[in-house]
Structures are given as structure tokens and as C-alpha cells.
Amino acid sequence: MNLKQLEHLLAVAEAGSFSRAAERLHLTQSALSRSIRILEEDLGARLLDRMGKRTELTPLGLTVAGRARRILFESAELRRSAELLTQGDRGAISIGLGSGPGAMLMTPLLAHVAQRYPQLRLEVMRGSLEAHLALLRQRRLDALVVDTRGIVPAADLRIEPVSQMRAGFICRPGHPLARAARPPRFAEIASYPLASTFLAADTERILVEHFGVEADPQTSVRLRCDEIGSLLEAVRVSDAVFLGIVGAARAGIEAGELAELPADPPLRSHALFALVTLTGRTEAPAMGLLREFVAERLRD
């Protein structure tokens, strides 16, 4: 038995067929079949059943696959630990940022690393939470900085709370509602194009509890995307109103290009940001500077 044979078994189990697994592994189907057959002979029992065009793990195969994942993970971590110990500088890190952290962190983080740690290789990726979690589990990302309310807790995820940042409404300073004598109600705000990211289910519930069913984002939000910077730019040049993390608009507010719009009743909602890593994975030295930077920047 060797690590390659275990990798081959998992590849077939995940692909559901020898042909697809062989293609992913860049092997011939006969070579892959021979590798699995030798593993089965070594263990003295079948690990895979062919169910028509579908290949499935046997009961023993399920047990072996579960242990194989742990063995391969530990093997990869041994190699990673050795690589990190031999690095003369801070090495390399790959980070996935959610929409809110991306708007507040990406450019400042790139500039910070370029100025202070020019030997560090930094990769920053934006995308959906589902895609980021998949890349984290494939060890193609070292960490995520995201709103935890969209994450289903799992044993393989280490979730470190970083900050709680309040949500609110943002508009341009000359917006008609900004000049009103009293804070507007939600119906008045929503009479203008409401702009927001794709919100977590509990955030949508909080909005409905605060303002009533008319605040359901599925019907009230008219401009929606994951790029907060683009939404805020649209708000800056139009009468659209941004609904989201106030801190994401900090630079525009300080420059006098954006303003926070009070609401009646006040919106009491927060994003819960966290650093997410894989449980048991050896960390790169640069993770320390990332933690410090995120803690400093992600705050009201």
C-alpha cells in the first residue's frame, strides 16, 4: 500500500467512474485499474463496486477512504511544515475575501505588503463563499476573511471571530433624503434604487423584523452585486441608496463623497467577520501579519 494508491482510490470515489478519474489524474484507465486492484489485493477485499456506469465505494471502501483522506492530509502537512521551516522570509499566502472584507481590505492589504514585506508572495481572491470554501478545503487558499453568518460550522473549519461591524444606509451628500428634516422610513428609502450585496438569510430576516415585509431584500433591493466598491460608486453618482456595512464606505464618507443616512427606526444589524482556516493545517509565518492587519482594519 502507498500514498498514490490511496490518492487513486479517492479520485475514483469522487469522480464516480474510472474513466473520469483517470482523466483527472492524467493516467490511462488500465493503469488506474491496476493500481486499485493491487490495493484491493493488499487489503484482501473489494473497495469499489461497479453499478452500471457508476462506481461506488463498498462498506470497506468507505472506511478506507475516510482514513485515506486523513493520511493524505497529514502527509501534505508534513511536506508543508518542512517547506515553511526552510523559508528565509515570510513565504507565500493565498487569501479569499468576502464582499465586505474585499471592499475594506484588498487594496490596503496589497499596498501594505508591497511596502513592508516585498519578499512575501500574496494572492488575494474574490468570489462566492461556496467557491472560497471549496478552494480552502482543496488547500488552494490558506485562509478566508468572510461574514460568518453564511458558513455552516464543520469539524474541518477553524473559525476565529475578528470583528462585528454595523450595517446602515449610505447615500450621496446631496441626496433628497439627506436633506430631509427627519430620518426617513424604509418605504421612503426604498422609493429610490436600493443597492446591496447578496445578503445572508438571517440578515434578510432582521430587515423584515425591523421594517416589515416591505423590507424583504428579495423585492426591495433593485441593484445587487458582490462588489461593494461598484455599488458605492453607483450611489456616489446617483440617487441610489446603499444598504450594507457602513465601514465599507469610510473612505467615501471621509472624502465628503458619501454620507450615512439615518433611518426611522434605526437599523440594528451587524456583520460578523471571521478568519477561517482549515483545522490542523500548518500555518505560514505570514498569517500573523494577516491577523494583525485584519484586526486593525475591520472595525467601525
C-alpha atoms as a PDB file:
ATOM      1  CA  MET A   1       0.000   0.000   0.000  1.00  0.00           C
ATOM      2  CA  ASN A   2       1.274   3.501  -0.832  1.00  0.00           C
ATOM      3  CA  LEU A   3       0.019   7.077  -0.911  1.00  0.00           C
ATOM      4  CA  LYS A   4      -0.509   7.028  -4.681  1.00  0.00           C
ATOM      5  CA  GLN A   5      -2.877   4.095  -4.410  1.00  0.00           C
ATOM      6  CA  LEU A   6      -4.873   5.923  -1.737  1.00  0.00           C
ATOM      7  CA  GLU A   7      -5.000   9.031  -3.953  1.00  0.00           C
ATOM      8  CA  HIS A   8      -6.255   6.872  -6.823  1.00  0.00           C
ATOM      9  CA  LEU A   9      -8.992   5.335  -4.657  1.00  0.00           C
ATOM     10  CA  LEU A  10     -10.238   8.772  -3.570  1.00  0.00           C
ATOM     11  CA  ALA A  11     -10.129  10.046  -7.141  1.00  0.00           C
ATOM     12  CA  VAL A  12     -12.374   7.213  -8.350  1.00  0.00           C
ATOM     13  CA  ALA A  13     -14.723   7.653  -5.377  1.00  0.00           C
ATOM     14  CA  GLU A  14     -15.076  11.395  -6.013  1.00  0.00           C
ATOM     15  CA  ALA A  15     -15.385  11.115  -9.804  1.00  0.00           C
ATOM     16  CA  GLY A  16     -17.810   8.186  -9.692  1.00  0.00           C
ATOM     17  CA  SER A  17     -16.077   6.374 -12.545  1.00  0.00           C
ATOM     18  CA  PHE A  18     -12.668   5.062 -13.564  1.00  0.00           C
ATOM     19  CA  SER A  19     -12.678   6.943 -16.847  1.00  0.00           C
ATOM     20  CA  ARG A  20     -13.328  10.373 -15.315  1.00  0.00           C
ATOM     21  CA  ALA A  21     -10.833   9.717 -12.510  1.00  0.00           C
ATOM     22  CA  ALA A  22      -8.160   8.588 -14.977  1.00  0.00           C
ATOM     23  CA  GLU A  23      -8.690  11.742 -17.000  1.00  0.00           C
ATOM     24  CA  ARG A  24      -8.294  13.955 -13.915  1.00  0.00           C
ATOM     25  CA  LEU A  25      -5.179  12.068 -12.819  1.00  0.00           C
ATOM     26  CA  HIS A  26      -3.679  12.073 -16.319  1.00  0.00           C
ATOM     27  CA  LEU A  27      -3.414   8.270 -16.248  1.00  0.00           C
ATOM     28  CA  THR A  28      -4.620   5.566 -18.579  1.00  0.00           C
ATOM     29  CA  GLN A  29      -7.706   3.754 -17.336  1.00  0.00           C
ATOM     30  CA  SER A  30      -5.811   0.461 -17.305  1.00  0.00           C
ATOM     31  CA  ALA A  31      -3.044   1.919 -15.110  1.00  0.00           C
ATOM     32  CA  LEU A  32      -5.627   3.299 -12.675  1.00  0.00           C
ATOM     33  CA  SER A  33      -7.498  -0.015 -12.553  1.00  0.00           C
ATOM     34  CA  ARG A  34      -4.234  -1.869 -11.894  1.00  0.00           C
ATOM     35  CA  SER A  35      -3.387   0.492  -9.009  1.00  0.00           C
ATOM     36  CA  ILE A  36      -6.795  -0.066  -7.378  1.00  0.00           C
ATOM     37  CA  ARG A  37      -6.590  -3.832  -7.932  1.00  0.00           C
ATOM     38  CA  ILE A  38      -3.193  -4.013  -6.185  1.00  0.00           C
ATOM     39  CA  LEU A  39      -4.604  -2.016  -3.239  1.00  0.00           C
ATOM     40  CA  GLU A  40      -7.592  -4.380  -3.006  1.00  0.00           C
ATOM     41  CA  GLU A  41      -5.292  -7.418  -3.108  1.00  0.00           C
ATOM     42  CA  ASP A  42      -3.163  -5.901  -0.376  1.00  0.00           C
ATOM     43  CA  LEU A  43      -6.243  -5.370   1.828  1.00  0.00           C
ATOM     44  CA  GLY A  44      -7.866  -8.662   0.852  1.00  0.00           C
ATOM     45  CA  ALA A  45     -11.271  -7.278  -0.135  1.00  0.00           C
ATOM     46  CA  ARG A  46     -13.065  -5.202  -2.759  1.00  0.00           C
ATOM     47  CA  LEU A  47     -13.114  -1.448  -2.231  1.00  0.00           C
ATOM     48  CA  LEU A  48     -15.214  -0.424  -5.241  1.00  0.00           C
ATOM     49  CA  ASP A  49     -18.389  -1.780  -6.826  1.00  0.00           C
ATOM     50  CA  ARG A  50     -19.335  -1.087 -10.428  1.00  0.00           C
ATOM     51  CA  MET A  51     -23.049  -0.144 -10.568  1.00  0.00           C
ATOM     52  CA  GLY A  52     -23.656   0.080 -14.305  1.00  0.00           C
ATOM     53  CA  LYS A  53     -21.805   3.190 -15.425  1.00  0.00           C
ATOM     54  CA  ARG A  54     -21.413   4.293 -11.823  1.00  0.00           C
ATOM     55  CA  THR A  55     -18.632   3.181  -9.467  1.00  0.00           C
ATOM     56  CA  GLU A  56     -19.305   3.292  -5.709  1.00  0.00           C
ATOM     57  CA  LEU A  57     -17.322   2.522  -2.575  1.00  0.00           C
ATOM     58  CA  THR A  58     -18.073  -0.730  -0.758  1.00  0.00           C
ATOM     59  CA  PRO A  59     -18.589  -0.599   3.037  1.00  0.00           C
ATOM     60  CA  LEU A  60     -14.885  -1.367   3.484  1.00  0.00           C
ATOM     61  CA  GLY A  61     -14.091   1.185   0.775  1.00  0.00           C
ATOM     62  CA  LEU A  62     -15.906   3.869   2.754  1.00  0.00           C
ATOM     63  CA  THR A  63     -13.790   3.101   5.815  1.00  0.00           C
ATOM     64  CA  VAL A  64     -10.565   3.048   3.815  1.00  0.00           C
ATOM     65  CA  ALA A  65     -11.464   6.289   2.012  1.00  0.00           C
ATOM     66  CA  GLY A  66     -12.140   8.081   5.307  1.00  0.00           C
ATOM     67  CA  ARG A  67      -8.764   7.060   6.693  1.00  0.00           C
ATOM     68  CA  ALA A  68      -7.043   7.751   3.378  1.00  0.00           C
ATOM     69  CA  ARG A  69      -8.207  11.367   3.470  1.00  0.00           C
ATOM     70  CA  ARG A  70      -6.658  11.812   6.919  1.00  0.00           C
ATOM     71  CA  ILE A  71      -3.421  10.065   5.884  1.00  0.00           C
ATOM     72  CA  LEU A  72      -3.059  12.172   2.748  1.00  0.00           C
ATOM     73  CA  PHE A  73      -3.850  15.348   4.680  1.00  0.00           C
ATOM     74  CA  GLU A  74      -1.173  14.584   7.264  1.00  0.00           C
ATOM     75  CA  SER A  75       1.304  13.679   4.526  1.00  0.00           C
ATOM     76  CA  ALA A  76       0.696  17.016   2.803  1.00  0.00           C
ATOM     77  CA  GLU A  77       1.065  18.842   6.114  1.00  0.00           C
ATOM     78  CA  LEU A  78       4.427  17.162   6.776  1.00  0.00           C
ATOM     79  CA  ARG A  79       5.702  18.450   3.445  1.00  0.00           C
ATOM     80  CA  ARG A  80       4.205  21.890   4.106  1.00  0.00           C
ATOM     81  CA  SER A  81       5.802  22.107   7.561  1.00  0.00           C
ATOM     82  CA  ALA A  82       9.203  21.268   6.114  1.00  0.00           C
ATOM     83  CA  GLU A  83       8.810  23.897   3.392  1.00  0.00           C
ATOM     84  CA  LEU A  84       7.773  26.590   5.876  1.00  0.00           C
ATOM     85  CA  LEU A  85      10.684  25.823   8.207  1.00  0.00           C
ATOM     86  CA  THR A  86      13.176  26.285   5.376  1.00  0.00           C
ATOM     87  CA  GLN A  87      11.785  29.625   4.190  1.00  0.00           C
ATOM     88  CA  GLY A  88      14.159  32.501   4.720  1.00  0.00           C
ATOM     89  CA  ASP A  89      11.363  35.093   4.590  1.00  0.00           C
ATOM     90  CA  ARG A  90       7.630  35.053   5.170  1.00  0.00           C
ATOM     91  CA  GLY A  91       6.991  32.825   2.154  1.00  0.00           C
ATOM     92  CA  ALA A  92       3.578  32.945   0.478  1.00  0.00           C
ATOM     93  CA  ILE A  93      -0.097  33.099   1.429  1.00  0.00           C
ATOM     94  CA  SER A  94      -3.328  32.944  -0.573  1.00  0.00           C
ATOM     95  CA  ILE A  95      -6.374  34.689   0.882  1.00  0.00           C
ATOM     96  CA  GLY A  96     -10.049  34.630  -0.067  1.00  0.00           C
ATOM     97  CA  LEU A  97     -12.069  37.748   0.774  1.00  0.00           C
ATOM     98  CA  GLY A  98     -15.831  38.054   1.057  1.00  0.00           C
ATOM     99  CA  SER A  99     -17.586  41.093  -0.421  1.00  0.00           C
ATOM    100  CA  GLY A 100     -17.414  43.271   2.703  1.00  0.00           C
ATOM    101  CA  PRO A 101     -13.814  42.433   3.665  1.00  0.00           C
ATOM    102  CA  GLY A 102     -12.832  42.709  -0.002  1.00  0.00           C
ATOM    103  CA  ALA A 103     -14.076  46.305  -0.188  1.00  0.00           C
ATOM    104  CA  MET A 104     -12.284  47.274   3.010  1.00  0.00           C
ATOM    105  CA  LEU A 105      -9.125  45.162   2.860  1.00  0.00           C
ATOM    106  CA  MET A 106      -7.992  44.256  -0.637  1.00  0.00           C
ATOM    107  CA  THR A 107      -6.270  47.449  -1.848  1.00  0.00           C
ATOM    108  CA  PRO A 108      -4.874  48.424   1.596  1.00  0.00           C
ATOM    109  CA  LEU A 109      -3.560  44.869   2.144  1.00  0.00           C
ATOM    110  CA  LEU A 110      -1.834  44.767  -1.243  1.00  0.00           C
ATOM    111  CA  ALA A 111      -0.232  48.157  -0.576  1.00  0.00           C
ATOM    112  CA  HIS A 112       0.770  47.153   2.973  1.00  0.00           C
ATOM    113  CA  VAL A 113       2.529  44.006   1.798  1.00  0.00           C
ATOM    114  CA  ALA A 114       4.219  45.771  -1.135  1.00  0.00           C
ATOM    115  CA  GLN A 115       5.581  48.480   1.161  1.00  0.00           C
ATOM    116  CA  ARG A 116       6.585  46.451   4.217  1.00  0.00           C
ATOM    117  CA  TYR A 117       7.039  42.844   3.097  1.00  0.00           C
ATOM    118  CA  PRO A 118       8.256  42.963  -0.516  1.00  0.00           C
ATOM    119  CA  GLN A 119       9.574  39.369  -0.356  1.00  0.00           C
ATOM    120  CA  LEU A 120       6.155  37.945   0.548  1.00  0.00           C
ATOM    121  CA  ARG A 121       4.114  36.355  -2.232  1.00  0.00           C
ATOM    122  CA  LEU A 122       0.497  37.334  -1.670  1.00  0.00           C
ATOM    123  CA  GLU A 123      -2.531  36.153  -3.660  1.00  0.00           C
ATOM    124  CA  VAL A 124      -5.937  37.687  -2.960  1.00  0.00           C
ATOM    125  CA  MET A 125      -9.085  36.208  -4.478  1.00  0.00           C
ATOM    126  CA  ARG A 126     -12.669  37.446  -4.579  1.00  0.00           C
ATOM    127  CA  GLY A 127     -15.626  35.174  -5.159  1.00  0.00           C
ATOM    128  CA  SER A 128     -18.620  33.450  -3.630  1.00  0.00           C
ATOM    129  CA  LEU A 129     -18.408  31.887  -0.181  1.00  0.00           C
ATOM    130  CA  GLU A 130     -19.130  28.440  -1.643  1.00  0.00           C
ATOM    131  CA  ALA A 131     -16.242  28.735  -4.116  1.00  0.00           C
ATOM    132  CA  HIS A 132     -13.900  30.022  -1.414  1.00  0.00           C
ATOM    133  CA  LEU A 133     -14.726  27.172   0.973  1.00  0.00           C
ATOM    134  CA  ALA A 134     -14.079  24.646  -1.789  1.00  0.00           C
ATOM    135  CA  LEU A 135     -10.672  26.199  -2.536  1.00  0.00           C
ATOM    136  CA  LEU A 136      -9.830  26.308   1.177  1.00  0.00           C
ATOM    137  CA  ARG A 137     -10.628  22.608   1.528  1.00  0.00           C
ATOM    138  CA  GLN A 138      -8.536  21.878  -1.563  1.00  0.00           C
ATOM    139  CA  ARG A 139      -5.700  23.782   0.193  1.00  0.00           C
ATOM    140  CA  ARG A 140      -5.516  26.277  -2.664  1.00  0.00           C
ATOM    141  CA  LEU A 141      -6.332  29.059  -0.182  1.00  0.00           C
ATOM    142  CA  ASP A 142      -4.680  29.481   3.217  1.00  0.00           C
ATOM    143  CA  ALA A 143      -7.468  31.490   4.822  1.00  0.00           C
ATOM    144  CA  LEU A 144     -10.744  33.291   4.256  1.00  0.00           C
ATOM    145  CA  VAL A 145     -11.941  36.584   5.713  1.00  0.00           C
ATOM    146  CA  VAL A 146     -15.730  36.455   5.474  1.00  0.00           C
ATOM    147  CA  ASP A 147     -19.034  37.127   7.192  1.00  0.00           C
ATOM    148  CA  THR A 148     -19.566  34.034   9.334  1.00  0.00           C
ATOM    149  CA  ARG A 149     -23.357  34.092   9.047  1.00  0.00           C
ATOM    150  CA  GLY A 150     -23.149  32.336   5.692  1.00  0.00           C
ATOM    151  CA  ILE A 151     -20.946  29.498   6.993  1.00  0.00           C
ATOM    152  CA  VAL A 152     -22.251  26.134   8.160  1.00  0.00           C
ATOM    153  CA  PRO A 153     -19.971  25.066  11.063  1.00  0.00           C
ATOM    154  CA  ALA A 154     -17.900  21.969  10.280  1.00  0.00           C
ATOM    155  CA  ALA A 155     -15.189  19.998  12.069  1.00  0.00           C
ATOM    156  CA  ASP A 156     -12.607  20.811   9.402  1.00  0.00           C
ATOM    157  CA  LEU A 157     -13.095  24.582   9.688  1.00  0.00           C
ATOM    158  CA  ARG A 158     -11.445  26.783  12.298  1.00  0.00           C
ATOM    159  CA  ILE A 159     -13.462  29.989  12.650  1.00  0.00           C
ATOM    160  CA  GLU A 160     -11.783  32.857  14.542  1.00  0.00           C
ATOM    161  CA  PRO A 161     -14.077  35.843  15.177  1.00  0.00           C
ATOM    162  CA  VAL A 162     -12.411  39.105  14.163  1.00  0.00           C
ATOM    163  CA  SER A 163     -14.941  41.900  14.486  1.00  0.00           C
ATOM    164  CA  GLN A 164     -18.572  42.947  14.484  1.00  0.00           C
ATOM    165  CA  MET A 165     -19.347  45.838  12.145  1.00  0.00           C
ATOM    166  CA  ARG A 166     -22.643  47.654  11.968  1.00  0.00           C
ATOM    167  CA  ALA A 167     -24.820  47.964   8.906  1.00  0.00           C
ATOM    168  CA  GLY A 168     -26.631  51.065   7.713  1.00  0.00           C
ATOM    169  CA  PHE A 169     -27.752  53.128   4.726  1.00  0.00           C
ATOM    170  CA  ILE A 170     -25.335  55.183   2.609  1.00  0.00           C
ATOM    171  CA  CYS A 171     -26.206  57.863   0.037  1.00  0.00           C
ATOM    172  CA  ARG A 172     -24.552  60.844  -1.657  1.00  0.00           C
ATOM    173  CA  PRO A 173     -24.458  64.044   0.462  1.00  0.00           C
ATOM    174  CA  GLY A 174     -26.844  65.862  -1.908  1.00  0.00           C
ATOM    175  CA  HIS A 175     -29.460  63.107  -1.875  1.00  0.00           C
ATOM    176  CA  PRO A 176     -33.041  64.374  -1.309  1.00  0.00           C
ATOM    177  CA  LEU A 177     -33.390  62.136   1.772  1.00  0.00           C
ATOM    178  CA  ALA A 178     -30.149  63.505   3.261  1.00  0.00           C
ATOM    179  CA  ARG A 179     -31.659  66.998   3.211  1.00  0.00           C
ATOM    180  CA  ALA A 180     -34.928  65.925   4.852  1.00  0.00           C
ATOM    181  CA  ALA A 181     -35.857  67.364   8.261  1.00  0.00           C
ATOM    182  CA  ARG A 182     -36.324  63.901   9.812  1.00  0.00           C
ATOM    183  CA  PRO A 183     -34.887  60.408   9.336  1.00  0.00           C
ATOM    184  CA  PRO A 184     -36.783  58.661   6.529  1.00  0.00           C
ATOM    185  CA  ARG A 185     -38.788  55.472   6.988  1.00  0.00           C
ATOM    186  CA  PHE A 186     -37.876  52.384   4.997  1.00  0.00           C
ATOM    187  CA  ALA A 187     -40.632  52.910   2.429  1.00  0.00           C
ATOM    188  CA  GLU A 188     -39.186  56.344   1.631  1.00  0.00           C
ATOM    189  CA  ILE A 189     -35.673  54.914   1.297  1.00  0.00           C
ATOM    190  CA  ALA A 190     -36.888  52.084  -0.929  1.00  0.00           C
ATOM    191  CA  SER A 191     -38.640  54.548  -3.243  1.00  0.00           C
ATOM    192  CA  TYR A 192     -35.111  55.149  -4.555  1.00  0.00           C
ATOM    193  CA  PRO A 193     -32.995  52.327  -6.035  1.00  0.00           C
ATOM    194  CA  LEU A 194     -31.780  50.261  -3.070  1.00  0.00           C
ATOM    195  CA  ALA A 195     -28.317  48.754  -3.656  1.00  0.00           C
ATOM    196  CA  SER A 196     -26.886  45.809  -1.745  1.00  0.00           C
ATOM    197  CA  THR A 197     -24.829  42.647  -1.926  1.00  0.00           C
ATOM    198  CA  PHE A 198     -26.385  39.186  -1.764  1.00  0.00           C
ATOM    199  CA  LEU A 199     -27.424  39.036   1.891  1.00  0.00           C
ATOM    200  CA  ALA A 200     -27.409  36.089   4.284  1.00  0.00           C
ATOM    201  CA  ALA A 201     -30.813  34.665   5.232  1.00  0.00           C
ATOM    202  CA  ASP A 202     -30.617  35.888   8.838  1.00  0.00           C
ATOM    203  CA  THR A 203     -29.786  39.413   7.627  1.00  0.00           C
ATOM    204  CA  GLU A 204     -32.887  39.364   5.450  1.00  0.00           C
ATOM    205  CA  ARG A 205     -34.895  38.192   8.471  1.00  0.00           C
ATOM    206  CA  ILE A 206     -33.530  41.050  10.617  1.00  0.00           C
ATOM    207  CA  LEU A 207     -34.528  43.606   7.973  1.00  0.00           C
ATOM    208  CA  VAL A 208     -38.086  42.271   7.861  1.00  0.00           C
ATOM    209  CA  GLU A 209     -38.283  42.290  11.672  1.00  0.00           C
ATOM    210  CA  HIS A 210     -37.061  45.909  11.770  1.00  0.00           C
ATOM    211  CA  PHE A 211     -39.024  47.436   8.919  1.00  0.00           C
ATOM    212  CA  GLY A 212     -41.792  44.975   7.991  1.00  0.00           C
ATOM    213  CA  VAL A 213     -42.370  42.733   4.974  1.00  0.00           C
ATOM    214  CA  GLU A 214     -41.781  45.633   2.583  1.00  0.00           C
ATOM    215  CA  ALA A 215     -38.079  45.428   3.557  1.00  0.00           C
ATOM    216  CA  ASP A 216     -37.652  41.899   2.204  1.00  0.00           C
ATOM    217  CA  PRO A 217     -34.474  42.274   0.084  1.00  0.00           C
ATOM    218  CA  GLN A 218     -35.843  39.850  -2.484  1.00  0.00           C
ATOM    219  CA  THR A 219     -38.306  42.551  -3.547  1.00  0.00           C
ATOM    220  CA  SER A 220     -36.906  45.823  -2.165  1.00  0.00           C
ATOM    221  CA  VAL A 221     -33.312  45.647  -3.468  1.00  0.00           C
ATOM    222  CA  ARG A 222     -33.053  46.808  -7.085  1.00  0.00           C
ATOM    223  CA  LEU A 223     -29.262  46.910  -7.545  1.00  0.00           C
ATOM    224  CA  ARG A 224     -27.431  43.813  -6.386  1.00  0.00           C
ATOM    225  CA  CYS A 225     -23.886  42.520  -6.850  1.00  0.00           C
ATOM    226  CA  ASP A 226     -20.977  41.214  -4.754  1.00  0.00           C
ATOM    227  CA  GLU A 227     -18.683  44.162  -5.493  1.00  0.00           C
ATOM    228  CA  ILE A 228     -19.349  46.744  -2.778  1.00  0.00           C
ATOM    229  CA  GLY A 229     -16.997  49.215  -4.435  1.00  0.00           C
ATOM    230  CA  SER A 230     -19.135  49.188  -7.566  1.00  0.00           C
ATOM    231  CA  LEU A 231     -22.335  49.632  -5.556  1.00  0.00           C
ATOM    232  CA  LEU A 232     -20.885  52.593  -3.661  1.00  0.00           C
ATOM    233  CA  GLU A 233     -19.729  54.194  -6.898  1.00  0.00           C
ATOM    234  CA  ALA A 234     -23.266  53.897  -8.260  1.00  0.00           C
ATOM    235  CA  VAL A 235     -24.535  55.537  -5.059  1.00  0.00           C
ATOM    236  CA  ARG A 236     -21.984  58.359  -5.374  1.00  0.00           C
ATOM    237  CA  VAL A 237     -23.215  59.368  -8.828  1.00  0.00           C
ATOM    238  CA  SER A 238     -26.967  58.743  -8.461  1.00  0.00           C
ATOM    239  CA  ASP A 239     -29.870  58.734  -6.016  1.00  0.00           C
ATOM    240  CA  ALA A 240     -29.393  55.034  -5.237  1.00  0.00           C
ATOM    241  CA  VAL A 241     -29.015  54.139  -1.539  1.00  0.00           C
ATOM    242  CA  PHE A 242     -26.538  51.506  -0.350  1.00  0.00           C
ATOM    243  CA  LEU A 243     -27.624  49.007   2.309  1.00  0.00           C
ATOM    244  CA  GLY A 244     -24.651  47.304   3.941  1.00  0.00           C
ATOM    245  CA  ILE A 245     -21.590  47.696   6.133  1.00  0.00           C
ATOM    246  CA  VAL A 246     -21.035  51.363   6.953  1.00  0.00           C
ATOM    247  CA  GLY A 247     -17.291  50.808   7.336  1.00  0.00           C
ATOM    248  CA  ALA A 248     -17.043  49.884   3.653  1.00  0.00           C
ATOM    249  CA  ALA A 249     -17.961  53.499   2.824  1.00  0.00           C
ATOM    250  CA  ARG A 250     -15.469  55.024   5.277  1.00  0.00           C
ATOM    251  CA  ALA A 251     -13.134  56.449   2.617  1.00  0.00           C
ATOM    252  CA  GLY A 252     -16.019  57.996   0.659  1.00  0.00           C
ATOM    253  CA  ILE A 253     -17.530  59.484   3.813  1.00  0.00           C
ATOM    254  CA  GLU A 254     -14.181  60.979   4.884  1.00  0.00           C
ATOM    255  CA  ALA A 255     -13.753  62.441   1.378  1.00  0.00           C
ATOM    256  CA  GLY A 256     -17.192  64.062   1.545  1.00  0.00           C
ATOM    257  CA  GLU A 257     -18.471  61.981  -1.398  1.00  0.00           C
ATOM    258  CA  LEU A 258     -20.808  59.740   0.629  1.00  0.00           C
ATOM    259  CA  ALA A 259     -22.891  60.142   3.779  1.00  0.00           C
ATOM    260  CA  GLU A 260     -24.582  57.820   6.235  1.00  0.00           C
ATOM    261  CA  LEU A 261     -28.361  58.123   6.072  1.00  0.00           C
ATOM    262  CA  PRO A 262     -30.226  57.654   9.391  1.00  0.00           C
ATOM    263  CA  ALA A 263     -33.430  55.629   9.284  1.00  0.00           C
ATOM    264  CA  ASP A 264     -36.636  55.553  11.338  1.00  0.00           C
ATOM    265  CA  PRO A 265     -36.489  53.206  13.182  1.00  0.00           C
ATOM    266  CA  PRO A 266     -32.676  52.851  13.277  1.00  0.00           C
ATOM    267  CA  LEU A 267     -31.239  49.747  11.639  1.00  0.00           C
ATOM    268  CA  ARG A 268     -29.664  47.490  14.272  1.00  0.00           C
ATOM    269  CA  SER A 269     -27.776  44.851  12.329  1.00  0.00           C
ATOM    270  CA  HIS A 270     -24.146  43.804  12.213  1.00  0.00           C
ATOM    271  CA  ALA A 271     -21.848  41.713  10.057  1.00  0.00           C
ATOM    272  CA  LEU A 272     -19.823  39.153  11.997  1.00  0.00           C
ATOM    273  CA  PHE A 273     -16.435  38.844  10.319  1.00  0.00           C
ATOM    274  CA  ALA A 274     -14.035  35.991  10.973  1.00  0.00           C
ATOM    275  CA  LEU A 275     -10.794  34.451   9.778  1.00  0.00           C
ATOM    276  CA  VAL A 276     -11.475  30.909   8.549  1.00  0.00           C
ATOM    277  CA  THR A 277      -8.716  28.314   8.174  1.00  0.00           C
ATOM    278  CA  LEU A 278      -8.515  24.533   7.950  1.00  0.00           C
ATOM    279  CA  THR A 279      -8.357  22.687  11.255  1.00  0.00           C
ATOM    280  CA  GLY A 280      -4.941  21.123  11.755  1.00  0.00           C
ATOM    281  CA  ARG A 281      -3.261  22.812   8.818  1.00  0.00           C
ATOM    282  CA  THR A 282       0.250  24.187   9.355  1.00  0.00           C
ATOM    283  CA  GLU A 283       0.194  27.970   9.048  1.00  0.00           C
ATOM    284  CA  ALA A 284       2.575  30.078   7.007  1.00  0.00           C
ATOM    285  CA  PRO A 285       4.559  32.649   9.042  1.00  0.00           C
ATOM    286  CA  ALA A 286       2.743  35.448   7.190  1.00  0.00           C
ATOM    287  CA  MET A 287      -0.577  34.508   8.795  1.00  0.00           C
ATOM    288  CA  GLY A 288       0.482  36.517  11.840  1.00  0.00           C
ATOM    289  CA  LEU A 289       0.730  39.742   9.875  1.00  0.00           C
ATOM    290  CA  LEU A 290      -2.612  38.995   8.201  1.00  0.00           C
ATOM    291  CA  ARG A 291      -4.318  38.607  11.581  1.00  0.00           C
ATOM    292  CA  GLU A 292      -2.873  41.913  12.793  1.00  0.00           C
ATOM    293  CA  PHE A 293      -3.873  43.742   9.620  1.00  0.00           C
ATOM    294  CA  VAL A 294      -7.419  42.354   9.572  1.00  0.00           C
ATOM    295  CA  ALA A 295      -7.986  43.153  13.248  1.00  0.00           C
ATOM    296  CA  GLU A 296      -6.819  46.735  12.700  1.00  0.00           C
ATOM    297  CA  ARG A 297      -8.831  47.385   9.531  1.00  0.00           C
ATOM    298  CA  LEU A 298     -12.123  45.548  10.118  1.00  0.00           C
ATOM    299  CA  ARG A 299     -13.643  47.847  12.695  1.00  0.00           C
ATOM    300  CA  ASP A 300     -16.217  50.613  12.833  1.00  0.00           C
END
